[in-house]
Amino acid sequence: RRYSTNGVGEYLVLVNADFPRLKKNQLSKEQQKKNDKLADKYNSQGSFPLTLLLDAEGKVIKSWEGYPDLTPEQFTGQLKAAMDAH
């Protein structure tokens, strides 16, 4: 999904890789393989939740472990600062 972010002026592609614990919520085998591959590449420590800002080549620009204790405006400011610094 692409979202316009106020103050950032760019489009972001949001990817949510879910890892459900309950059997009734299990993903398809194909989707689970995709999510496992993302986890191996970007989250080998198993942090949960984990938010990453990546560049177009998939390089991590900034990460947030846990839920960021930020207002939407503060979070957008951090996104903009990280992208500007990159």
PDB file of N, CA and C in Angstrom:
ATOM      1  N   ARG A   1       0.829  -1.170   0.000  1.00  0.00           N
ATOM      2  CA  ARG A   1       0.000   0.000   0.000  1.00  0.00           C
ATOM      3  C   ARG A   1       0.875   1.234   0.000  1.00  0.00           C
ATOM      4  N   ARG A   2       0.419   2.257  -0.664  1.00  0.00           N
ATOM      5  CA  ARG A   2       1.144   3.523  -0.663  1.00  0.00           C
ATOM      6  C   ARG A   2       0.345   4.542   0.123  1.00  0.00           C
ATOM      7  N   TYR A   3       1.035   5.261   0.983  1.00  0.00           N
ATOM      8  CA  TYR A   3       0.391   6.258   1.816  1.00  0.00           C
ATOM      9  C   TYR A   3       1.123   7.580   1.666  1.00  0.00           C
ATOM     10  N   SER A   4       0.379   8.653   1.458  1.00  0.00           N
ATOM     11  CA  SER A   4       0.976   9.974   1.468  1.00  0.00           C
ATOM     12  C   SER A   4       1.169  10.372   2.919  1.00  0.00           C
ATOM     13  N   THR A   5       2.331  10.876   3.260  1.00  0.00           N
ATOM     14  CA  THR A   5       2.601  11.267   4.633  1.00  0.00           C
ATOM     15  C   THR A   5       2.812  12.765   4.706  1.00  0.00           C
ATOM     16  N   ASN A   6       1.971  13.425   5.446  1.00  0.00           N
ATOM     17  CA  ASN A   6       2.091  14.871   5.605  1.00  0.00           C
ATOM     18  C   ASN A   6       3.444  15.217   6.193  1.00  0.00           C
ATOM     19  N   GLY A   7       4.091  16.210   5.638  1.00  0.00           N
ATOM     20  CA  GLY A   7       5.381  16.655   6.141  1.00  0.00           C
ATOM     21  C   GLY A   7       6.554  15.879   5.579  1.00  0.00           C
ATOM     22  N   VAL A   8       6.318  14.723   5.007  1.00  0.00           N
ATOM     23  CA  VAL A   8       7.411  13.930   4.454  1.00  0.00           C
ATOM     24  C   VAL A   8       7.500  14.164   2.956  1.00  0.00           C
ATOM     25  N   GLY A   9       6.356  14.316   2.308  1.00  0.00           N
ATOM     26  CA  GLY A   9       6.348  14.639   0.887  1.00  0.00           C
ATOM     27  C   GLY A   9       6.736  13.501  -0.024  1.00  0.00           C
ATOM     28  N   GLU A  10       6.807  12.307   0.499  1.00  0.00           N
ATOM     29  CA  GLU A  10       7.160  11.131  -0.285  1.00  0.00           C
ATOM     30  C   GLU A  10       6.043  10.108  -0.125  1.00  0.00           C
ATOM     31  N   TYR A  11       6.089   9.073  -0.911  1.00  0.00           N
ATOM     32  CA  TYR A  11       5.174   7.959  -0.738  1.00  0.00           C
ATOM     33  C   TYR A  11       5.917   6.829  -0.058  1.00  0.00           C
ATOM     34  N   LEU A  12       5.241   6.194   0.866  1.00  0.00           N
ATOM     35  CA  LEU A  12       5.808   5.060   1.570  1.00  0.00           C
ATOM     36  C   LEU A  12       5.047   3.807   1.171  1.00  0.00           C
ATOM     37  N   VAL A  13       5.746   2.721   1.093  1.00  0.00           N
ATOM     38  CA  VAL A  13       5.109   1.431   0.852  1.00  0.00           C
ATOM     39  C   VAL A  13       5.102   0.713   2.196  1.00  0.00           C
ATOM     40  N   LEU A  14       3.916   0.438   2.715  1.00  0.00           N
ATOM     41  CA  LEU A  14       3.775  -0.212   4.001  1.00  0.00           C
ATOM     42  C   LEU A  14       3.678  -1.714   3.806  1.00  0.00           C
ATOM     43  N   VAL A  15       4.558  -2.438   4.490  1.00  0.00           N
ATOM     44  CA  VAL A  15       4.535  -3.900   4.448  1.00  0.00           C
ATOM     45  C   VAL A  15       4.345  -4.391   5.875  1.00  0.00           C
ATOM     46  N   ASN A  16       3.339  -5.196   6.092  1.00  0.00           N
ATOM     47  CA  ASN A  16       3.083  -5.758   7.408  1.00  0.00           C
ATOM     48  C   ASN A  16       3.303  -7.266   7.326  1.00  0.00           C
ATOM     49  N   ALA A  17       4.340  -7.751   7.988  1.00  0.00           N
ATOM     50  CA  ALA A  17       4.629  -9.187   8.016  1.00  0.00           C
ATOM     51  C   ALA A  17       4.122  -9.721   9.353  1.00  0.00           C
ATOM     52  N   ASP A  18       3.031 -10.469   9.319  1.00  0.00           N
ATOM     53  CA  ASP A  18       2.391 -10.970  10.523  1.00  0.00           C
ATOM     54  C   ASP A  18       2.868 -12.388  10.820  1.00  0.00           C
ATOM     55  N   PHE A  19       2.933 -12.721  12.108  1.00  0.00           N
ATOM     56  CA  PHE A  19       3.335 -14.050  12.553  1.00  0.00           C
ATOM     57  C   PHE A  19       2.344 -14.519  13.617  1.00  0.00           C
ATOM     58  N   PRO A  20       1.126 -14.911  13.181  1.00  0.00           N
ATOM     59  CA  PRO A  20       0.100 -15.294  14.146  1.00  0.00           C
ATOM     60  C   PRO A  20       0.483 -16.519  14.965  1.00  0.00           C
ATOM     61  N   ARG A  21       0.086 -16.509  16.236  1.00  0.00           N
ATOM     62  CA  ARG A  21       0.413 -17.613  17.130  1.00  0.00           C
ATOM     63  C   ARG A  21      -0.671 -18.690  17.139  1.00  0.00           C
ATOM     64  N   LEU A  22      -1.917 -18.285  17.005  1.00  0.00           N
ATOM     65  CA  LEU A  22      -3.015 -19.240  17.071  1.00  0.00           C
ATOM     66  C   LEU A  22      -3.190 -19.980  15.757  1.00  0.00           C
ATOM     67  N   LYS A  23      -3.457 -21.282  15.833  1.00  0.00           N
ATOM     68  CA  LYS A  23      -3.631 -22.089  14.628  1.00  0.00           C
ATOM     69  C   LYS A  23      -4.755 -21.564  13.747  1.00  0.00           C
ATOM     70  N   LYS A  24      -5.822 -21.066  14.362  1.00  0.00           N
ATOM     71  CA  LYS A  24      -6.961 -20.592  13.577  1.00  0.00           C
ATOM     72  C   LYS A  24      -6.619 -19.358  12.745  1.00  0.00           C
ATOM     73  N   ASN A  25      -5.539 -18.671  13.075  1.00  0.00           N
ATOM     74  CA  ASN A  25      -5.125 -17.471  12.351  1.00  0.00           C
ATOM     75  C   ASN A  25      -3.924 -17.708  11.442  1.00  0.00           C
ATOM     76  N   GLN A  26      -3.537 -18.957  11.254  1.00  0.00           N
ATOM     77  CA  GLN A  26      -2.339 -19.260  10.475  1.00  0.00           C
ATOM     78  C   GLN A  26      -2.445 -18.762   9.035  1.00  0.00           C
ATOM     79  N   LEU A  27      -1.327 -18.347   8.518  1.00  0.00           N
ATOM     80  CA  LEU A  27      -1.231 -17.859   7.147  1.00  0.00           C
ATOM     81  C   LEU A  27      -1.096 -19.033   6.179  1.00  0.00           C
ATOM     82  N   SER A  28      -1.277 -18.736   4.903  1.00  0.00           N
ATOM     83  CA  SER A  28      -1.024 -19.771   3.901  1.00  0.00           C
ATOM     84  C   SER A  28       0.472 -20.108   3.935  1.00  0.00           C
ATOM     85  N   LYS A  29       0.823 -21.293   3.477  1.00  0.00           N
ATOM     86  CA  LYS A  29       2.236 -21.695   3.469  1.00  0.00           C
ATOM     87  C   LYS A  29       3.071 -20.738   2.628  1.00  0.00           C
ATOM     88  N   GLU A  30       2.498 -20.287   1.520  1.00  0.00           N
ATOM     89  CA  GLU A  30       3.212 -19.346   0.641  1.00  0.00           C
ATOM     90  C   GLU A  30       3.491 -18.029   1.361  1.00  0.00           C
ATOM     91  N   GLN A  31       2.479 -17.476   2.044  1.00  0.00           N
ATOM     92  CA  GLN A  31       2.674 -16.212   2.751  1.00  0.00           C
ATOM     93  C   GLN A  31       3.623 -16.390   3.928  1.00  0.00           C
ATOM     94  N   GLN A  32       3.528 -17.519   4.627  1.00  0.00           N
ATOM     95  CA  GLN A  32       4.422 -17.775   5.751  1.00  0.00           C
ATOM     96  C   GLN A  32       5.876 -17.829   5.291  1.00  0.00           C
ATOM     97  N   LYS A  33       6.131 -18.434   4.121  1.00  0.00           N
ATOM     98  CA  LYS A  33       7.494 -18.475   3.588  1.00  0.00           C
ATOM     99  C   LYS A  33       8.008 -17.069   3.297  1.00  0.00           C
ATOM    100  N   LYS A  34       7.156 -16.217   2.721  1.00  0.00           N
ATOM    101  CA  LYS A  34       7.550 -14.835   2.437  1.00  0.00           C
ATOM    102  C   LYS A  34       7.878 -14.100   3.732  1.00  0.00           C
ATOM    103  N   ASN A  35       7.026 -14.255   4.743  1.00  0.00           N
ATOM    104  CA  ASN A  35       7.252 -13.576   6.015  1.00  0.00           C
ATOM    105  C   ASN A  35       8.505 -14.096   6.713  1.00  0.00           C
ATOM    106  N   ASP A  36       8.730 -15.402   6.653  1.00  0.00           N
ATOM    107  CA  ASP A  36       9.932 -15.977   7.258  1.00  0.00           C
ATOM    108  C   ASP A  36      11.190 -15.433   6.588  1.00  0.00           C
ATOM    109  N   LYS A  37      11.142 -15.275   5.280  1.00  0.00           N
ATOM    110  CA  LYS A  37      12.289 -14.737   4.552  1.00  0.00           C
ATOM    111  C   LYS A  37      12.564 -13.286   4.986  1.00  0.00           C
ATOM    112  N   LEU A  38      11.502 -12.494   5.137  1.00  0.00           N
ATOM    113  CA  LEU A  38      11.662 -11.118   5.619  1.00  0.00           C
ATOM    114  C   LEU A  38      12.244 -11.108   7.031  1.00  0.00           C
ATOM    115  N   ALA A  39      11.747 -11.987   7.896  1.00  0.00           N
ATOM    116  CA  ALA A  39      12.243 -12.056   9.272  1.00  0.00           C
ATOM    117  C   ALA A  39      13.718 -12.446   9.309  1.00  0.00           C
ATOM    118  N   ASP A  40      14.113 -13.412   8.490  1.00  0.00           N
ATOM    119  CA  ASP A  40      15.519 -13.819   8.445  1.00  0.00           C
ATOM    120  C   ASP A  40      16.407 -12.661   8.017  1.00  0.00           C
ATOM    121  N   LYS A  41      15.945 -11.882   7.069  1.00  0.00           N
ATOM    122  CA  LYS A  41      16.752 -10.789   6.532  1.00  0.00           C
ATOM    123  C   LYS A  41      16.789  -9.574   7.461  1.00  0.00           C
ATOM    124  N   TYR A  42      15.623  -9.219   8.018  1.00  0.00           N
ATOM    125  CA  TYR A  42      15.527  -7.950   8.738  1.00  0.00           C
ATOM    126  C   TYR A  42      15.344  -8.059  10.247  1.00  0.00           C
ATOM    127  N   ASN A  43      15.038  -9.248  10.768  1.00  0.00           N
ATOM    128  CA  ASN A  43      14.744  -9.348  12.194  1.00  0.00           C
ATOM    129  C   ASN A  43      15.262 -10.658  12.771  1.00  0.00           C
ATOM    130  N   SER A  44      16.547 -10.894  12.638  1.00  0.00           N
ATOM    131  CA  SER A  44      17.133 -12.146  13.118  1.00  0.00           C
ATOM    132  C   SER A  44      17.078 -12.254  14.644  1.00  0.00           C
ATOM    133  N   GLN A  45      16.914 -11.127  15.344  1.00  0.00           N
ATOM    134  CA  GLN A  45      16.822 -11.136  16.808  1.00  0.00           C
ATOM    135  C   GLN A  45      15.422 -11.464  17.298  1.00  0.00           C
ATOM    136  N   GLY A  46      14.433 -11.420  16.413  1.00  0.00           N
ATOM    137  CA  GLY A  46      13.061 -11.748  16.794  1.00  0.00           C
ATOM    138  C   GLY A  46      12.360 -10.658  17.581  1.00  0.00           C
ATOM    139  N   SER A  47      12.739  -9.410  17.388  1.00  0.00           N
ATOM    140  CA  SER A  47      12.082  -8.304  18.078  1.00  0.00           C
ATOM    141  C   SER A  47      10.637  -8.196  17.638  1.00  0.00           C
ATOM    142  N   PHE A  48       9.753  -7.922  18.610  1.00  0.00           N
ATOM    143  CA  PHE A  48       8.341  -7.786  18.280  1.00  0.00           C
ATOM    144  C   PHE A  48       7.705  -6.765  19.192  1.00  0.00           C
ATOM    145  N   PRO A  49       6.999  -5.825  18.643  1.00  0.00           N
ATOM    146  CA  PRO A  49       6.945  -5.495  17.221  1.00  0.00           C
ATOM    147  C   PRO A  49       8.206  -4.759  16.794  1.00  0.00           C
ATOM    148  N   LEU A  50       8.418  -4.708  15.514  1.00  0.00           N
ATOM    149  CA  LEU A  50       9.575  -4.040  14.941  1.00  0.00           C
ATOM    150  C   LEU A  50       9.115  -3.254  13.726  1.00  0.00           C
ATOM    151  N   THR A  51       9.482  -1.982  13.686  1.00  0.00           N
ATOM    152  CA  THR A  51       9.171  -1.126  12.545  1.00  0.00           C
ATOM    153  C   THR A  51      10.482  -0.714  11.907  1.00  0.00           C
ATOM    154  N   LEU A  52      10.565  -0.859  10.594  1.00  0.00           N
ATOM    155  CA  LEU A  52      11.782  -0.514   9.857  1.00  0.00           C
ATOM    156  C   LEU A  52      11.464   0.490   8.769  1.00  0.00           C
ATOM    157  N   LEU A  53      12.369   1.414   8.543  1.00  0.00           N
ATOM    158  CA  LEU A  53      12.319   2.312   7.400  1.00  0.00           C
ATOM    159  C   LEU A  53      13.440   1.883   6.477  1.00  0.00           C
ATOM    160  N   LEU A  54      13.081   1.467   5.260  1.00  0.00           N
ATOM    161  CA  LEU A  54      14.047   0.971   4.292  1.00  0.00           C
ATOM    162  C   LEU A  54      14.144   1.923   3.116  1.00  0.00           C
ATOM    163  N   ASP A  55      15.303   1.941   2.462  1.00  0.00           N
ATOM    164  CA  ASP A  55      15.419   2.700   1.217  1.00  0.00           C
ATOM    165  C   ASP A  55      14.952   1.809   0.065  1.00  0.00           C
ATOM    166  N   ALA A  56      15.018   2.349  -1.140  1.00  0.00           N
ATOM    167  CA  ALA A  56      14.518   1.621  -2.320  1.00  0.00           C
ATOM    168  C   ALA A  56      15.277   0.317  -2.573  1.00  0.00           C
ATOM    169  N   GLU A  57      16.506   0.210  -2.080  1.00  0.00           N
ATOM    170  CA  GLU A  57      17.302  -1.009  -2.266  1.00  0.00           C
ATOM    171  C   GLU A  57      17.118  -2.005  -1.123  1.00  0.00           C
ATOM    172  N   GLY A  58      16.298  -1.671  -0.128  1.00  0.00           N
ATOM    173  CA  GLY A  58      16.059  -2.571   0.990  1.00  0.00           C
ATOM    174  C   GLY A  58      17.030  -2.418   2.140  1.00  0.00           C
ATOM    175  N   LYS A  59      17.843  -1.349   2.139  1.00  0.00           N
ATOM    176  CA  LYS A  59      18.775  -1.090   3.231  1.00  0.00           C
ATOM    177  C   LYS A  59      18.021  -0.398   4.373  1.00  0.00           C
ATOM    178  N   VAL A  60      18.270  -0.836   5.610  1.00  0.00           N
ATOM    179  CA  VAL A  60      17.610  -0.247   6.769  1.00  0.00           C
ATOM    180  C   VAL A  60      18.170   1.149   7.022  1.00  0.00           C
ATOM    181  N   ILE A  61      17.274   2.126   7.027  1.00  0.00           N
ATOM    182  CA  ILE A  61      17.640   3.511   7.325  1.00  0.00           C
ATOM    183  C   ILE A  61      17.473   3.784   8.817  1.00  0.00           C
ATOM    184  N   LYS A  62      16.371   3.305   9.386  1.00  0.00           N
ATOM    185  CA  LYS A  62      16.075   3.509  10.811  1.00  0.00           C
ATOM    186  C   LYS A  62      15.166   2.393  11.274  1.00  0.00           C
ATOM    187  N   SER A  63      15.267   2.047  12.557  1.00  0.00           N
ATOM    188  CA  SER A  63      14.390   1.024  13.112  1.00  0.00           C
ATOM    189  C   SER A  63      13.836   1.489  14.451  1.00  0.00           C
ATOM    190  N   TRP A  64      12.668   0.967  14.771  1.00  0.00           N
ATOM    191  CA  TRP A  64      12.013   1.224  16.046  1.00  0.00           C
ATOM    192  C   TRP A  64      11.615  -0.122  16.630  1.00  0.00           C
ATOM    193  N   GLU A  65      12.174  -0.480  17.793  1.00  0.00           N
ATOM    194  CA  GLU A  65      11.776  -1.712  18.473  1.00  0.00           C
ATOM    195  C   GLU A  65      10.642  -1.381  19.425  1.00  0.00           C
ATOM    196  N   GLY A  66       9.668  -2.279  19.495  1.00  0.00           N
ATOM    197  CA  GLY A  66       8.499  -2.026  20.331  1.00  0.00           C
ATOM    198  C   GLY A  66       7.599  -1.003  19.665  1.00  0.00           C
ATOM    199  N   TYR A  67       6.616  -0.547  20.389  1.00  0.00           N
ATOM    200  CA  TYR A  67       5.715   0.477  19.857  1.00  0.00           C
ATOM    201  C   TYR A  67       6.315   1.838  20.150  1.00  0.00           C
ATOM    202  N   PRO A  68       6.578   2.642  19.116  1.00  0.00           N
ATOM    203  CA  PRO A  68       7.140   3.971  19.364  1.00  0.00           C
ATOM    204  C   PRO A  68       6.179   4.811  20.206  1.00  0.00           C
ATOM    205  N   ASP A  69       6.661   5.385  21.277  1.00  0.00           N
ATOM    206  CA  ASP A  69       5.856   6.235  22.149  1.00  0.00           C
ATOM    207  C   ASP A  69       5.902   7.661  21.603  1.00  0.00           C
ATOM    208  N   LEU A  70       5.329   7.823  20.418  1.00  0.00           N
ATOM    209  CA  LEU A  70       5.386   9.090  19.702  1.00  0.00           C
ATOM    210  C   LEU A  70       4.008   9.460  19.182  1.00  0.00           C
ATOM    211  N   THR A  71       3.772  10.748  19.055  1.00  0.00           N
ATOM    212  CA  THR A  71       2.559  11.194  18.379  1.00  0.00           C
ATOM    213  C   THR A  71       2.762  10.963  16.881  1.00  0.00           C
ATOM    214  N   PRO A  72       1.673  10.951  16.104  1.00  0.00           N
ATOM    215  CA  PRO A  72       1.851  10.816  14.656  1.00  0.00           C
ATOM    216  C   PRO A  72       2.770  11.894  14.077  1.00  0.00           C
ATOM    217  N   GLU A  73       2.673  13.104  14.597  1.00  0.00           N
ATOM    218  CA  GLU A  73       3.527  14.191  14.106  1.00  0.00           C
ATOM    219  C   GLU A  73       4.991  13.944  14.453  1.00  0.00           C
ATOM    220  N   GLN A  74       5.255  13.440  15.658  1.00  0.00           N
ATOM    221  CA  GLN A  74       6.631  13.134  16.049  1.00  0.00           C
ATOM    222  C   GLN A  74       7.196  11.994  15.196  1.00  0.00           C
ATOM    223  N   PHE A  75       6.368  10.969  14.964  1.00  0.00           N
ATOM    224  CA  PHE A  75       6.818   9.841  14.154  1.00  0.00           C
ATOM    225  C   PHE A  75       7.109  10.299  12.727  1.00  0.00           C
ATOM    226  N   THR A  76       6.216  11.105  12.156  1.00  0.00           N
ATOM    227  CA  THR A  76       6.436  11.651  10.810  1.00  0.00           C
ATOM    228  C   THR A  76       7.717  12.485  10.783  1.00  0.00           C
ATOM    229  N   GLY A  77       7.958  13.246  11.838  1.00  0.00           N
ATOM    230  CA  GLY A  77       9.199  14.025  11.926  1.00  0.00           C
ATOM    231  C   GLY A  77      10.430  13.143  11.925  1.00  0.00           C
ATOM    232  N   GLN A  78      10.360  12.011  12.642  1.00  0.00           N
ATOM    233  CA  GLN A  78      11.498  11.085  12.641  1.00  0.00           C
ATOM    234  C   GLN A  78      11.696  10.450  11.271  1.00  0.00           C
ATOM    235  N   LEU A  79      10.594  10.122  10.590  1.00  0.00           N
ATOM    236  CA  LEU A  79      10.699   9.581   9.241  1.00  0.00           C
ATOM    237  C   LEU A  79      11.391  10.576   8.327  1.00  0.00           C
ATOM    238  N   LYS A  80      10.931  11.831   8.361  1.00  0.00           N
ATOM    239  CA  LYS A  80      11.510  12.855   7.507  1.00  0.00           C
ATOM    240  C   LYS A  80      12.978  13.074   7.814  1.00  0.00           C
ATOM    241  N   ALA A  81      13.333  13.157   9.088  1.00  0.00           N
ATOM    242  CA  ALA A  81      14.731  13.367   9.469  1.00  0.00           C
ATOM    243  C   ALA A  81      15.611  12.214   8.995  1.00  0.00           C
ATOM    244  N   ALA A  82      15.124  10.979   9.140  1.00  0.00           N
ATOM    245  CA  ALA A  82      15.909   9.818   8.714  1.00  0.00           C
ATOM    246  C   ALA A  82      16.087   9.816   7.197  1.00  0.00           C
ATOM    247  N   MET A  83      15.027  10.149   6.466  1.00  0.00           N
ATOM    248  CA  MET A  83      15.134  10.172   5.003  1.00  0.00           C
ATOM    249  C   MET A  83      16.038  11.310   4.540  1.00  0.00           C
ATOM    250  N   ASP A  84      15.950  12.463   5.196  1.00  0.00           N
ATOM    251  CA  ASP A  84      16.809  13.586   4.832  1.00  0.00           C
ATOM    252  C   ASP A  84      18.278  13.264   5.089  1.00  0.00           C
ATOM    253  N   ALA A  85      18.552  12.559   6.194  1.00  0.00           N
ATOM    254  CA  ALA A  85      19.925  12.208   6.539  1.00  0.00           C
ATOM    255  C   ALA A  85      20.478  11.129   5.613  1.00  0.00           C
ATOM    256  N   HIS A  86      19.584  10.354   5.035  1.00  0.00           N
ATOM    257  CA  HIS A  86      20.009   9.270   4.143  1.00  0.00           C
ATOM    258  C   HIS A  86      20.328   9.849   2.789  1.00  0.00           C
TER     259      HIS A  86
END
